[in-house]
Amino acid sequence: MLNNALCAFVAKHCSDHLNIIKVAGDASFRSYYRVLRQTGPSLIVMDAPPDKEDSHPFVAIAHFLRQHGVKAPDIKVCDFEQGLFLLEDFGDLTFARALEEGQNAQTLYGAAVDTLLTLQASPATGQTIAHTRAFDEELFAYEADLLTAWYIPGVMGYTLSETEQAAFKQVFDQLLAPLLEQPRVLVHRDYHSRNLMWMEGAVGVIDFQDAVMGPITYDLASLLRDCYVAWDAPFRHEVMKRWLEGAKTQLGYAPEWAEFEQAFDWMAIQRNLKAVGIFGRLALRDGKYAYLDDVPRTMGYVRETLSRYPQLAELQRLLERAIPEGQEPSSVEVAARQTQSGVA
């Protein structure tokens, strides 16, 4: 049901509107509504409750990206006090949906790589909050804790001993060290098939408000080790090679392939384990259980990658005990369990 504030906002800033239709939201507290108009293209209202969402980063980063050649939504009206924003409508064709409809994967991902390189080549001296936030030891520790604080105990029902807790911290520190040595660029942090829009040959980028300055392989790992779309190794390598060729000329990043592949793989492990932790939190804290059904695919990526790096054998052993392959609970199982325990 539409609230009065939203209706008044639309009436004030879009007087020729015909209808307001709720559209799919995301994993945050934000919600979105499409405004159909008598004349001109439809628009989107983003409802981001100010007591739950700080929208200043979203607005500032959107302006910065547009200034530097990345197609972020044009923000028409901002009302920070009410948490209401009128945005350009990018439509409903995410990369995930475009793939389901039979769009050519090489075309989509070639365009995604080109857009990513443009984003990464943007000035590191930008004045947005993203340019003051770093993927550092503190952020990495926070992301690593999501797995051991939410998914493993809450979803798997596995209680980590103090020794295991210490072992996880040690292997996460081992994983972090080389990631921090990578060149730093602007990092979207969720550059994947649900946050990229296919717009008649152009790539629209959304959900960038958590951007930071971080490792150069981070967003590429998000794109190709996507929790929602599975790609085989040949396709991943094809896209990785395209990105690396562009990175050499546009970003001055020119490692040998073996060095690059390991940097990408270790980044992907960190990114995927973080996602599993977030999926656990979304289920247990927010009642958003559907994400749990993406965990087997995500953990499959992690297991596949760990098998190639003997130096990460301890992480592999810890995960085999805490999240045995094939035993990840489904969304239905966890929802039922929460209901029975009186949590849901």
C-alpha atoms as a PDB file:
ATOM      1  CA  MET A   1       0.000   0.000   0.000  1.00  0.00           C
ATOM      2  CA  LEU A   2       1.331   3.427  -0.955  1.00  0.00           C
ATOM      3  CA  ASN A   3       1.959   5.792   1.928  1.00  0.00           C
ATOM      4  CA  ASN A   4       0.723   9.376   1.937  1.00  0.00           C
ATOM      5  CA  ALA A   5       4.193  10.918   1.897  1.00  0.00           C
ATOM      6  CA  LEU A   6       5.182   9.003  -1.238  1.00  0.00           C
ATOM      7  CA  CYS A   7       1.928   9.915  -3.024  1.00  0.00           C
ATOM      8  CA  ALA A   8       2.368  13.583  -2.120  1.00  0.00           C
ATOM      9  CA  PHE A   9       5.992  13.486  -3.319  1.00  0.00           C
ATOM     10  CA  VAL A  10       4.945  12.067  -6.701  1.00  0.00           C
ATOM     11  CA  ALA A  11       2.067  14.560  -7.038  1.00  0.00           C
ATOM     12  CA  LYS A  12       4.446  17.447  -6.359  1.00  0.00           C
ATOM     13  CA  HIS A  13       7.306  16.429  -8.620  1.00  0.00           C
ATOM     14  CA  CYS A  14       5.540  14.441 -11.342  1.00  0.00           C
ATOM     15  CA  SER A  15       2.145  16.061 -11.849  1.00  0.00           C
ATOM     16  CA  ASP A  16       1.393  14.141 -15.075  1.00  0.00           C
ATOM     17  CA  HIS A  17       1.616  10.725 -13.423  1.00  0.00           C
ATOM     18  CA  LEU A  18      -0.973   8.089 -14.267  1.00  0.00           C
ATOM     19  CA  ASN A  19      -0.098   5.303 -11.877  1.00  0.00           C
ATOM     20  CA  ILE A  20       2.435   4.221  -9.254  1.00  0.00           C
ATOM     21  CA  ILE A  21       3.493   0.563  -9.294  1.00  0.00           C
ATOM     22  CA  LYS A  22       5.750  -1.150  -6.770  1.00  0.00           C
ATOM     23  CA  VAL A  23       8.724  -2.881  -8.349  1.00  0.00           C
ATOM     24  CA  ALA A  24      11.216  -5.401  -6.999  1.00  0.00           C
ATOM     25  CA  GLY A  25      13.379  -4.230  -4.140  1.00  0.00           C
ATOM     26  CA  ASP A  26      16.812  -5.376  -2.986  1.00  0.00           C
ATOM     27  CA  ALA A  27      18.467  -6.711   0.145  1.00  0.00           C
ATOM     28  CA  SER A  28      18.290  -3.342   1.928  1.00  0.00           C
ATOM     29  CA  PHE A  29      15.478  -1.379   3.554  1.00  0.00           C
ATOM     30  CA  ARG A  30      14.936   0.552   0.326  1.00  0.00           C
ATOM     31  CA  SER A  31      11.864   0.032  -1.833  1.00  0.00           C
ATOM     32  CA  TYR A  32      11.144   1.183  -5.374  1.00  0.00           C
ATOM     33  CA  TYR A  33       8.086   2.356  -7.296  1.00  0.00           C
ATOM     34  CA  ARG A  34       7.612   2.981 -11.012  1.00  0.00           C
ATOM     35  CA  VAL A  35       5.739   6.168 -11.911  1.00  0.00           C
ATOM     36  CA  LEU A  36       3.888   5.886 -15.208  1.00  0.00           C
ATOM     37  CA  ARG A  37       3.301   9.245 -16.893  1.00  0.00           C
ATOM     38  CA  GLN A  38       1.022  10.746 -19.521  1.00  0.00           C
ATOM     39  CA  THR A  39       3.998  12.154 -21.400  1.00  0.00           C
ATOM     40  CA  GLY A  40       7.668  11.243 -21.279  1.00  0.00           C
ATOM     41  CA  PRO A  41       9.365   8.138 -19.934  1.00  0.00           C
ATOM     42  CA  SER A  42       8.463   6.499 -16.656  1.00  0.00           C
ATOM     43  CA  LEU A  43      10.442   7.361 -13.536  1.00  0.00           C
ATOM     44  CA  ILE A  44      11.416   5.517 -10.362  1.00  0.00           C
ATOM     45  CA  VAL A  45      10.759   6.634  -6.812  1.00  0.00           C
ATOM     46  CA  MET A  46      13.277   5.251  -4.328  1.00  0.00           C
ATOM     47  CA  ASP A  47      11.892   5.121  -0.800  1.00  0.00           C
ATOM     48  CA  ALA A  48      14.838   4.899   1.589  1.00  0.00           C
ATOM     49  CA  PRO A  49      13.727   5.469   5.211  1.00  0.00           C
ATOM     50  CA  PRO A  50      16.244   7.976   6.604  1.00  0.00           C
ATOM     51  CA  ASP A  51      16.325   6.239   9.983  1.00  0.00           C
ATOM     52  CA  LYS A  52      17.538   3.053   8.259  1.00  0.00           C
ATOM     53  CA  GLU A  53      19.347   4.213   5.103  1.00  0.00           C
ATOM     54  CA  ASP A  54      21.795   7.083   4.613  1.00  0.00           C
ATOM     55  CA  SER A  55      21.179   8.088   1.005  1.00  0.00           C
ATOM     56  CA  HIS A  56      23.865  10.760   0.763  1.00  0.00           C
ATOM     57  CA  PRO A  57      26.495   8.271  -0.521  1.00  0.00           C
ATOM     58  CA  PHE A  58      24.076   6.997  -3.190  1.00  0.00           C
ATOM     59  CA  VAL A  59      23.389  10.488  -4.514  1.00  0.00           C
ATOM     60  CA  ALA A  60      27.013  11.661  -4.456  1.00  0.00           C
ATOM     61  CA  ILE A  61      28.408   8.498  -6.040  1.00  0.00           C
ATOM     62  CA  ALA A  62      25.698   8.505  -8.737  1.00  0.00           C
ATOM     63  CA  HIS A  63      26.682  12.046  -9.739  1.00  0.00           C
ATOM     64  CA  PHE A  64      30.379  11.122  -9.737  1.00  0.00           C
ATOM     65  CA  LEU A  65      29.882   8.033 -11.893  1.00  0.00           C
ATOM     66  CA  ARG A  66      27.796   9.929 -14.437  1.00  0.00           C
ATOM     67  CA  GLN A  67      30.450  12.635 -14.636  1.00  0.00           C
ATOM     68  CA  HIS A  68      33.033   9.988 -15.508  1.00  0.00           C
ATOM     69  CA  GLY A  69      31.214   8.001 -18.152  1.00  0.00           C
ATOM     70  CA  VAL A  70      29.401   5.335 -16.142  1.00  0.00           C
ATOM     71  CA  LYS A  71      25.651   5.085 -16.707  1.00  0.00           C
ATOM     72  CA  ALA A  72      24.264   5.492 -13.186  1.00  0.00           C
ATOM     73  CA  PRO A  73      20.667   6.711 -12.767  1.00  0.00           C
ATOM     74  CA  ASP A  74      20.083  10.421 -13.229  1.00  0.00           C
ATOM     75  CA  ILE A  75      18.638  11.672  -9.942  1.00  0.00           C
ATOM     76  CA  LYS A  76      15.895  14.206 -10.678  1.00  0.00           C
ATOM     77  CA  VAL A  77      14.733  15.110  -7.147  1.00  0.00           C
ATOM     78  CA  CYS A  78      16.205  14.483  -3.688  1.00  0.00           C
ATOM     79  CA  ASP A  79      14.261  14.754  -0.434  1.00  0.00           C
ATOM     80  CA  PHE A  80      16.696  13.541   2.195  1.00  0.00           C
ATOM     81  CA  GLU A  81      14.394  14.442   5.080  1.00  0.00           C
ATOM     82  CA  GLN A  82      11.682  12.065   3.871  1.00  0.00           C
ATOM     83  CA  GLY A  83      14.047   9.620   2.202  1.00  0.00           C
ATOM     84  CA  LEU A  84      12.325   9.972  -1.189  1.00  0.00           C
ATOM     85  CA  PHE A  85      14.165  10.274  -4.493  1.00  0.00           C
ATOM     86  CA  LEU A  86      12.983  10.543  -8.093  1.00  0.00           C
ATOM     87  CA  LEU A  87      15.267   8.643 -10.462  1.00  0.00           C
ATOM     88  CA  GLU A  88      15.715   7.835 -14.103  1.00  0.00           C
ATOM     89  CA  ASP A  89      14.050   4.500 -14.882  1.00  0.00           C
ATOM     90  CA  PHE A  90      16.496   1.873 -16.156  1.00  0.00           C
ATOM     91  CA  GLY A  91      13.729  -0.664 -16.774  1.00  0.00           C
ATOM     92  CA  ASP A  92      13.575  -4.236 -15.502  1.00  0.00           C
ATOM     93  CA  LEU A  93      16.092  -6.038 -17.718  1.00  0.00           C
ATOM     94  CA  THR A  94      18.894  -6.992 -15.366  1.00  0.00           C
ATOM     95  CA  PHE A  95      21.770  -9.033 -16.736  1.00  0.00           C
ATOM     96  CA  ALA A  96      20.316 -12.033 -14.904  1.00  0.00           C
ATOM     97  CA  ARG A  97      16.982 -11.625 -16.667  1.00  0.00           C
ATOM     98  CA  ALA A  98      18.607 -10.845 -20.025  1.00  0.00           C
ATOM     99  CA  LEU A  99      20.534 -14.115 -19.826  1.00  0.00           C
ATOM    100  CA  GLU A 100      17.339 -16.010 -19.007  1.00  0.00           C
ATOM    101  CA  GLU A 101      15.747 -14.462 -22.091  1.00  0.00           C
ATOM    102  CA  GLY A 102      18.558 -15.661 -24.321  1.00  0.00           C
ATOM    103  CA  GLN A 103      20.706 -12.549 -24.731  1.00  0.00           C
ATOM    104  CA  ASN A 104      24.250 -13.293 -25.895  1.00  0.00           C
ATOM    105  CA  ALA A 105      26.523 -13.725 -22.863  1.00  0.00           C
ATOM    106  CA  GLN A 106      29.666 -12.596 -24.691  1.00  0.00           C
ATOM    107  CA  THR A 107      27.956  -9.360 -25.705  1.00  0.00           C
ATOM    108  CA  LEU A 108      26.639  -8.676 -22.216  1.00  0.00           C
ATOM    109  CA  TYR A 109      29.860  -9.426 -20.408  1.00  0.00           C
ATOM    110  CA  GLY A 110      32.020  -7.637 -22.939  1.00  0.00           C
ATOM    111  CA  ALA A 111      29.964  -4.506 -22.284  1.00  0.00           C
ATOM    112  CA  ALA A 112      30.144  -5.115 -18.520  1.00  0.00           C
ATOM    113  CA  VAL A 113      33.949  -5.320 -18.689  1.00  0.00           C
ATOM    114  CA  ASP A 114      34.170  -2.095 -20.687  1.00  0.00           C
ATOM    115  CA  THR A 115      31.926  -0.328 -18.180  1.00  0.00           C
ATOM    116  CA  LEU A 116      33.918  -1.722 -15.266  1.00  0.00           C
ATOM    117  CA  LEU A 117      37.174  -0.431 -16.737  1.00  0.00           C
ATOM    118  CA  THR A 118      35.605   3.012 -17.140  1.00  0.00           C
ATOM    119  CA  LEU A 119      34.532   2.937 -13.491  1.00  0.00           C
ATOM    120  CA  GLN A 120      37.968   1.810 -12.347  1.00  0.00           C
ATOM    121  CA  ALA A 121      39.717   4.458 -14.432  1.00  0.00           C
ATOM    122  CA  SER A 122      37.749   7.259 -12.755  1.00  0.00           C
ATOM    123  CA  PRO A 123      39.865   9.686 -10.696  1.00  0.00           C
ATOM    124  CA  ALA A 124      40.985   8.263  -7.366  1.00  0.00           C
ATOM    125  CA  THR A 125      40.916  11.823  -6.056  1.00  0.00           C
ATOM    126  CA  GLY A 126      37.126  12.045  -6.269  1.00  0.00           C
ATOM    127  CA  GLN A 127      35.320  13.887  -3.488  1.00  0.00           C
ATOM    128  CA  THR A 128      32.616  11.306  -2.643  1.00  0.00           C
ATOM    129  CA  ILE A 129      32.491   9.306   0.566  1.00  0.00           C
ATOM    130  CA  ALA A 130      33.525   6.249  -1.456  1.00  0.00           C
ATOM    131  CA  HIS A 131      36.922   7.844  -1.992  1.00  0.00           C
ATOM    132  CA  THR A 132      37.449   8.158   1.756  1.00  0.00           C
ATOM    133  CA  ARG A 133      36.498   4.555   2.547  1.00  0.00           C
ATOM    134  CA  ALA A 134      39.068   1.807   2.139  1.00  0.00           C
ATOM    135  CA  PHE A 135      38.950  -1.954   1.844  1.00  0.00           C
ATOM    136  CA  ASP A 136      41.358  -2.399   4.744  1.00  0.00           C
ATOM    137  CA  GLU A 137      42.008  -4.753   7.656  1.00  0.00           C
ATOM    138  CA  GLU A 138      39.010  -3.411   9.582  1.00  0.00           C
ATOM    139  CA  LEU A 139      36.536  -3.847   6.718  1.00  0.00           C
ATOM    140  CA  PHE A 140      37.928  -7.262   5.850  1.00  0.00           C
ATOM    141  CA  ALA A 141      37.579  -8.412   9.476  1.00  0.00           C
ATOM    142  CA  TYR A 142      33.984  -7.209   9.505  1.00  0.00           C
ATOM    143  CA  GLU A 143      33.213  -9.096   6.284  1.00  0.00           C
ATOM    144  CA  ALA A 144      34.983 -12.257   7.483  1.00  0.00           C
ATOM    145  CA  ASP A 145      33.003 -12.198  10.724  1.00  0.00           C
ATOM    146  CA  LEU A 146      29.746 -12.418   8.774  1.00  0.00           C
ATOM    147  CA  LEU A 147      30.514 -16.035   7.934  1.00  0.00           C
ATOM    148  CA  THR A 148      31.553 -17.120  11.425  1.00  0.00           C
ATOM    149  CA  ALA A 149      28.978 -15.017  13.307  1.00  0.00           C
ATOM    150  CA  TRP A 150      25.903 -15.633  11.154  1.00  0.00           C
ATOM    151  CA  TYR A 151      26.033 -18.431   8.621  1.00  0.00           C
ATOM    152  CA  ILE A 152      28.067 -21.116  10.345  1.00  0.00           C
ATOM    153  CA  PRO A 153      26.404 -20.979  13.780  1.00  0.00           C
ATOM    154  CA  GLY A 154      22.983 -19.657  12.770  1.00  0.00           C
ATOM    155  CA  VAL A 155      22.276 -21.489   9.515  1.00  0.00           C
ATOM    156  CA  MET A 156      24.517 -24.549   9.766  1.00  0.00           C
ATOM    157  CA  GLY A 157      23.984 -24.918  13.512  1.00  0.00           C
ATOM    158  CA  TYR A 158      27.715 -25.534  13.963  1.00  0.00           C
ATOM    159  CA  THR A 159      29.300 -24.067  17.090  1.00  0.00           C
ATOM    160  CA  LEU A 160      32.879 -23.056  16.466  1.00  0.00           C
ATOM    161  CA  SER A 161      35.313 -23.809  19.271  1.00  0.00           C
ATOM    162  CA  GLU A 162      37.748 -21.132  20.416  1.00  0.00           C
ATOM    163  CA  THR A 163      40.473 -23.019  18.574  1.00  0.00           C
ATOM    164  CA  GLU A 164      38.444 -23.009  15.358  1.00  0.00           C
ATOM    165  CA  GLN A 165      37.625 -19.330  15.778  1.00  0.00           C
ATOM    166  CA  ALA A 166      41.326 -18.581  16.090  1.00  0.00           C
ATOM    167  CA  ALA A 167      42.114 -20.786  13.092  1.00  0.00           C
ATOM    168  CA  PHE A 168      39.550 -18.972  10.932  1.00  0.00           C
ATOM    169  CA  LYS A 169      41.064 -15.631  11.911  1.00  0.00           C
ATOM    170  CA  GLN A 170      44.533 -16.873  11.033  1.00  0.00           C
ATOM    171  CA  VAL A 171      43.564 -18.120   7.570  1.00  0.00           C
ATOM    172  CA  PHE A 172      41.526 -14.993   6.862  1.00  0.00           C
ATOM    173  CA  ASP A 173      44.583 -12.889   7.738  1.00  0.00           C
ATOM    174  CA  GLN A 174      46.597 -15.062   5.346  1.00  0.00           C
ATOM    175  CA  LEU A 175      44.014 -14.436   2.624  1.00  0.00           C
ATOM    176  CA  LEU A 176      43.914 -10.689   3.279  1.00  0.00           C
ATOM    177  CA  ALA A 177      47.618  -9.893   3.087  1.00  0.00           C
ATOM    178  CA  PRO A 178      48.036 -10.256  -0.719  1.00  0.00           C
ATOM    179  CA  LEU A 179      44.650  -8.623  -1.367  1.00  0.00           C
ATOM    180  CA  LEU A 180      45.840  -5.440   0.321  1.00  0.00           C
ATOM    181  CA  GLU A 181      48.890  -5.406  -1.957  1.00  0.00           C
ATOM    182  CA  GLN A 182      46.777  -5.123  -5.112  1.00  0.00           C
ATOM    183  CA  PRO A 183      46.515  -1.695  -6.794  1.00  0.00           C
ATOM    184  CA  ARG A 184      43.577   0.298  -5.427  1.00  0.00           C
ATOM    185  CA  VAL A 185      40.743   1.613  -7.558  1.00  0.00           C
ATOM    186  CA  LEU A 186      37.140   2.614  -7.002  1.00  0.00           C
ATOM    187  CA  VAL A 187      35.249  -0.588  -6.153  1.00  0.00           C
ATOM    188  CA  HIS A 188      31.488  -0.929  -6.660  1.00  0.00           C
ATOM    189  CA  ARG A 189      31.385  -3.920  -4.216  1.00  0.00           C
ATOM    190  CA  ASP A 190      28.318  -5.579  -5.795  1.00  0.00           C
ATOM    191  CA  TYR A 191      29.118  -5.572  -9.511  1.00  0.00           C
ATOM    192  CA  HIS A 192      27.063  -8.580 -10.587  1.00  0.00           C
ATOM    193  CA  SER A 193      24.136  -9.764 -12.708  1.00  0.00           C
ATOM    194  CA  ARG A 194      21.397  -8.285 -10.496  1.00  0.00           C
ATOM    195  CA  ASN A 195      22.939  -4.823 -10.332  1.00  0.00           C
ATOM    196  CA  LEU A 196      23.736  -4.420 -14.023  1.00  0.00           C
ATOM    197  CA  MET A 197      20.928  -3.383 -16.349  1.00  0.00           C
ATOM    198  CA  TRP A 198      20.902  -4.143 -20.090  1.00  0.00           C
ATOM    199  CA  MET A 199      19.614  -1.060 -21.896  1.00  0.00           C
ATOM    200  CA  GLU A 200      19.663  -1.597 -25.664  1.00  0.00           C
ATOM    201  CA  GLY A 201      23.410  -2.085 -25.791  1.00  0.00           C
ATOM    202  CA  ALA A 202      24.311   0.112 -22.824  1.00  0.00           C
ATOM    203  CA  VAL A 203      25.038  -1.019 -19.280  1.00  0.00           C
ATOM    204  CA  GLY A 204      23.175   0.708 -16.460  1.00  0.00           C
ATOM    205  CA  VAL A 205      24.818   0.403 -13.045  1.00  0.00           C
ATOM    206  CA  ILE A 206      22.829   0.432  -9.785  1.00  0.00           C
ATOM    207  CA  ASP A 207      23.320  -0.345  -6.061  1.00  0.00           C
ATOM    208  CA  PHE A 208      26.717   1.359  -5.821  1.00  0.00           C
ATOM    209  CA  GLN A 209      26.205   3.223  -2.534  1.00  0.00           C
ATOM    210  CA  ASP A 210      28.647   0.987  -0.603  1.00  0.00           C
ATOM    211  CA  ALA A 211      31.560   1.715  -2.954  1.00  0.00           C
ATOM    212  CA  VAL A 212      35.072   1.929  -1.497  1.00  0.00           C
ATOM    213  CA  MET A 213      38.647   2.233  -2.663  1.00  0.00           C
ATOM    214  CA  GLY A 214      39.901  -1.326  -2.844  1.00  0.00           C
ATOM    215  CA  PRO A 215      41.648  -4.163  -4.711  1.00  0.00           C
ATOM    216  CA  ILE A 216      41.651  -3.937  -8.484  1.00  0.00           C
ATOM    217  CA  THR A 217      40.264  -7.475  -8.945  1.00  0.00           C
ATOM    218  CA  TYR A 218      37.334  -7.093  -6.533  1.00  0.00           C
ATOM    219  CA  ASP A 219      34.581  -6.125  -8.979  1.00  0.00           C
ATOM    220  CA  LEU A 220      35.780  -8.549 -11.644  1.00  0.00           C
ATOM    221  CA  ALA A 221      35.511 -11.324  -9.051  1.00  0.00           C
ATOM    222  CA  SER A 222      31.982 -10.136  -8.226  1.00  0.00           C
ATOM    223  CA  LEU A 223      31.062 -10.287 -11.904  1.00  0.00           C
ATOM    224  CA  LEU A 224      32.498 -13.702 -12.733  1.00  0.00           C
ATOM    225  CA  ARG A 225      32.034 -15.522  -9.416  1.00  0.00           C
ATOM    226  CA  ASP A 226      28.463 -14.253  -9.268  1.00  0.00           C
ATOM    227  CA  CYS A 227      26.350 -15.849  -6.533  1.00  0.00           C
ATOM    228  CA  TYR A 228      23.325 -15.845  -8.858  1.00  0.00           C
ATOM    229  CA  VAL A 229      24.744 -17.008 -12.208  1.00  0.00           C
ATOM    230  CA  ALA A 230      27.192 -19.874 -12.708  1.00  0.00           C
ATOM    231  CA  TRP A 231      29.919 -19.673 -15.366  1.00  0.00           C
ATOM    232  CA  ASP A 232      32.336 -22.376 -16.402  1.00  0.00           C
ATOM    233  CA  ALA A 233      36.091 -21.837 -16.399  1.00  0.00           C
ATOM    234  CA  PRO A 234      36.492 -21.263 -20.179  1.00  0.00           C
ATOM    235  CA  PHE A 235      33.945 -18.423 -20.172  1.00  0.00           C
ATOM    236  CA  ARG A 236      35.461 -16.871 -17.041  1.00  0.00           C
ATOM    237  CA  HIS A 237      38.930 -16.970 -18.582  1.00  0.00           C
ATOM    238  CA  GLU A 238      37.673 -15.384 -21.791  1.00  0.00           C
ATOM    239  CA  VAL A 239      36.188 -12.451 -19.877  1.00  0.00           C
ATOM    240  CA  MET A 240      39.193 -12.209 -17.552  1.00  0.00           C
ATOM    241  CA  LYS A 241      41.519 -11.928 -20.558  1.00  0.00           C
ATOM    242  CA  ARG A 242      39.404  -9.155 -22.048  1.00  0.00           C
ATOM    243  CA  TRP A 243      39.483  -7.248 -18.773  1.00  0.00           C
ATOM    244  CA  LEU A 244      43.236  -7.735 -18.329  1.00  0.00           C
ATOM    245  CA  GLU A 245      43.939  -6.417 -21.825  1.00  0.00           C
ATOM    246  CA  GLY A 246      41.942  -3.301 -21.017  1.00  0.00           C
ATOM    247  CA  ALA A 247      43.504  -2.957 -17.567  1.00  0.00           C
ATOM    248  CA  LYS A 248      46.980  -2.889 -19.098  1.00  0.00           C
ATOM    249  CA  THR A 249      46.162   0.122 -21.247  1.00  0.00           C
ATOM    250  CA  GLN A 250      43.594   1.950 -19.111  1.00  0.00           C
ATOM    251  CA  LEU A 251      44.772   1.198 -15.576  1.00  0.00           C
ATOM    252  CA  GLY A 252      48.467   0.416 -16.000  1.00  0.00           C
ATOM    253  CA  TYR A 253      47.935  -3.020 -14.449  1.00  0.00           C
ATOM    254  CA  ALA A 254      50.040  -5.577 -16.320  1.00  0.00           C
ATOM    255  CA  PRO A 255      50.880  -8.685 -14.276  1.00  0.00           C
ATOM    256  CA  GLU A 256      51.731 -12.063 -15.737  1.00  0.00           C
ATOM    257  CA  TRP A 257      48.684 -14.306 -16.162  1.00  0.00           C
ATOM    258  CA  ALA A 258      49.551 -16.651 -13.261  1.00  0.00           C
ATOM    259  CA  GLU A 259      49.946 -13.737 -10.866  1.00  0.00           C
ATOM    260  CA  PHE A 260      46.710 -12.169 -12.042  1.00  0.00           C
ATOM    261  CA  GLU A 261      44.774 -15.435 -11.837  1.00  0.00           C
ATOM    262  CA  GLN A 262      45.837 -16.009  -8.235  1.00  0.00           C
ATOM    263  CA  ALA A 263      44.985 -12.421  -7.303  1.00  0.00           C
ATOM    264  CA  PHE A 264      41.555 -12.878  -8.884  1.00  0.00           C
ATOM    265  CA  ASP A 265      40.975 -16.284  -7.273  1.00  0.00           C
ATOM    266  CA  TRP A 266      41.886 -15.185  -3.758  1.00  0.00           C
ATOM    267  CA  MET A 267      39.721 -12.107  -4.133  1.00  0.00           C
ATOM    268  CA  ALA A 268      36.849 -14.320  -5.297  1.00  0.00           C
ATOM    269  CA  ILE A 269      37.210 -16.573  -2.240  1.00  0.00           C
ATOM    270  CA  GLN A 270      36.953 -13.568   0.063  1.00  0.00           C
ATOM    271  CA  ARG A 271      34.029 -12.138  -1.878  1.00  0.00           C
ATOM    272  CA  ASN A 272      32.080 -15.405  -1.965  1.00  0.00           C
ATOM    273  CA  LEU A 273      32.568 -16.190   1.732  1.00  0.00           C
ATOM    274  CA  LYS A 274      31.434 -12.676   2.590  1.00  0.00           C
ATOM    275  CA  ALA A 275      28.308 -13.230   0.478  1.00  0.00           C
ATOM    276  CA  VAL A 276      27.507 -16.479   2.283  1.00  0.00           C
ATOM    277  CA  GLY A 277      27.771 -14.652   5.590  1.00  0.00           C
ATOM    278  CA  ILE A 278      25.479 -11.894   4.342  1.00  0.00           C
ATOM    279  CA  PHE A 279      22.941 -14.439   3.112  1.00  0.00           C
ATOM    280  CA  GLY A 280      22.921 -15.930   6.598  1.00  0.00           C
ATOM    281  CA  ARG A 281      22.335 -12.523   8.171  1.00  0.00           C
ATOM    282  CA  LEU A 282      19.584 -11.642   5.699  1.00  0.00           C
ATOM    283  CA  ALA A 283      17.794 -14.868   6.584  1.00  0.00           C
ATOM    284  CA  LEU A 284      18.193 -14.826  10.339  1.00  0.00           C
ATOM    285  CA  ARG A 285      17.972 -11.103  11.050  1.00  0.00           C
ATOM    286  CA  ASP A 286      15.694  -9.853   8.275  1.00  0.00           C
ATOM    287  CA  GLY A 287      13.609 -12.903   7.393  1.00  0.00           C
ATOM    288  CA  LYS A 288      14.867 -12.833   3.759  1.00  0.00           C
ATOM    289  CA  TYR A 289      15.412 -16.564   3.336  1.00  0.00           C
ATOM    290  CA  ALA A 290      15.503 -16.891  -0.470  1.00  0.00           C
ATOM    291  CA  TYR A 291      19.181 -15.929  -0.637  1.00  0.00           C
ATOM    292  CA  LEU A 292      20.099 -19.175   1.162  1.00  0.00           C
ATOM    293  CA  ASP A 293      19.296 -21.111  -2.009  1.00  0.00           C
ATOM    294  CA  ASP A 294      22.253 -19.372  -3.681  1.00  0.00           C
ATOM    295  CA  VAL A 295      24.707 -20.663  -1.072  1.00  0.00           C
ATOM    296  CA  PRO A 296      25.453 -24.081  -2.694  1.00  0.00           C
ATOM    297  CA  ARG A 297      26.475 -22.382  -5.942  1.00  0.00           C
ATOM    298  CA  THR A 298      28.560 -19.835  -4.062  1.00  0.00           C
ATOM    299  CA  MET A 299      30.278 -22.431  -1.893  1.00  0.00           C
ATOM    300  CA  GLY A 300      30.869 -24.514  -5.018  1.00  0.00           C
ATOM    301  CA  TYR A 301      32.964 -21.660  -6.382  1.00  0.00           C
ATOM    302  CA  VAL A 302      34.922 -21.491  -3.123  1.00  0.00           C
ATOM    303  CA  ARG A 303      35.605 -25.243  -3.005  1.00  0.00           C
ATOM    304  CA  GLU A 304      36.646 -25.320  -6.661  1.00  0.00           C
ATOM    305  CA  THR A 305      39.099 -22.482  -6.120  1.00  0.00           C
ATOM    306  CA  LEU A 306      40.547 -23.686  -2.825  1.00  0.00           C
ATOM    307  CA  SER A 307      41.375 -27.046  -4.389  1.00  0.00           C
ATOM    308  CA  ARG A 308      43.966 -25.296  -6.581  1.00  0.00           C
ATOM    309  CA  TYR A 309      45.850 -23.583  -3.736  1.00  0.00           C
ATOM    310  CA  PRO A 310      47.608 -25.920  -1.261  1.00  0.00           C
ATOM    311  CA  GLN A 311      48.663 -22.893   0.797  1.00  0.00           C
ATOM    312  CA  LEU A 312      44.983 -22.399   1.700  1.00  0.00           C
ATOM    313  CA  ALA A 313      44.476 -26.020   2.765  1.00  0.00           C
ATOM    314  CA  GLU A 314      43.663 -25.016   6.350  1.00  0.00           C
ATOM    315  CA  LEU A 315      40.769 -22.828   5.170  1.00  0.00           C
ATOM    316  CA  GLN A 316      39.538 -25.731   3.063  1.00  0.00           C
ATOM    317  CA  ARG A 317      39.626 -28.060   6.100  1.00  0.00           C
ATOM    318  CA  LEU A 318      37.789 -25.583   8.317  1.00  0.00           C
ATOM    319  CA  LEU A 319      35.046 -25.099   5.745  1.00  0.00           C
ATOM    320  CA  GLU A 320      34.684 -28.863   5.177  1.00  0.00           C
ATOM    321  CA  ARG A 321      33.864 -29.261   8.872  1.00  0.00           C
ATOM    322  CA  ALA A 322      31.630 -26.221   9.262  1.00  0.00           C
ATOM    323  CA  ILE A 323      29.850 -26.257   5.871  1.00  0.00           C
ATOM    324  CA  PRO A 324      30.035 -29.803   4.456  1.00  0.00           C
ATOM    325  CA  GLU A 325      29.355 -29.982   0.743  1.00  0.00           C
ATOM    326  CA  GLY A 326      25.737 -30.803  -0.024  1.00  0.00           C
ATOM    327  CA  GLN A 327      24.538 -30.055   3.497  1.00  0.00           C
ATOM    328  CA  GLU A 328      23.778 -26.355   3.128  1.00  0.00           C
ATOM    329  CA  PRO A 329      20.180 -25.900   4.395  1.00  0.00           C
ATOM    330  CA  SER A 330      17.605 -24.581   1.929  1.00  0.00           C
ATOM    331  CA  SER A 331      15.553 -21.449   2.449  1.00  0.00           C
ATOM    332  CA  VAL A 332      12.499 -23.595   3.224  1.00  0.00           C
ATOM    333  CA  GLU A 333      14.332 -25.585   5.885  1.00  0.00           C
ATOM    334  CA  VAL A 334      15.700 -22.534   7.662  1.00  0.00           C
ATOM    335  CA  ALA A 335      12.412 -20.617   7.459  1.00  0.00           C
ATOM    336  CA  ALA A 336      10.596 -23.586   8.987  1.00  0.00           C
ATOM    337  CA  ARG A 337      13.186 -23.923  11.701  1.00  0.00           C
ATOM    338  CA  GLN A 338      12.933 -20.235  12.566  1.00  0.00           C
ATOM    339  CA  THR A 339       9.148 -20.435  12.664  1.00  0.00           C
ATOM    340  CA  GLN A 340       9.260 -23.424  14.993  1.00  0.00           C
ATOM    341  CA  SER A 341      11.661 -21.612  17.292  1.00  0.00           C
ATOM    342  CA  GLY A 342       9.338 -18.595  17.361  1.00  0.00           C
ATOM    343  CA  VAL A 343      11.889 -16.263  15.687  1.00  0.00           C
ATOM    344  CA  ALA A 344      10.054 -15.609  12.412  1.00  0.00           C
END
